[in-house]
């Protein structure tokens, strides 16, 4: 009889938890994948580029780090 109130409170809390509405899981369908259509006609070809025989490439060293950033 000492624990009647405690047992009743536990039973009531368990009954309350059992009656809770659980959220329904809704499966959202994935969007359909667009299938590419047939290829179109080929366009006009551009001009050919120049050969790189006389091309000069200039390579610069990276800028020196300042003393403040070290």
Foldseek 3Di string as FASTA:
>chain_A
DVCPVVVVVVVVVVVVVVPDDDDDDDDDDDDDDDDDDDDDDDDDDDDDDDDCPPPDDDDDDDDDDDPVVD
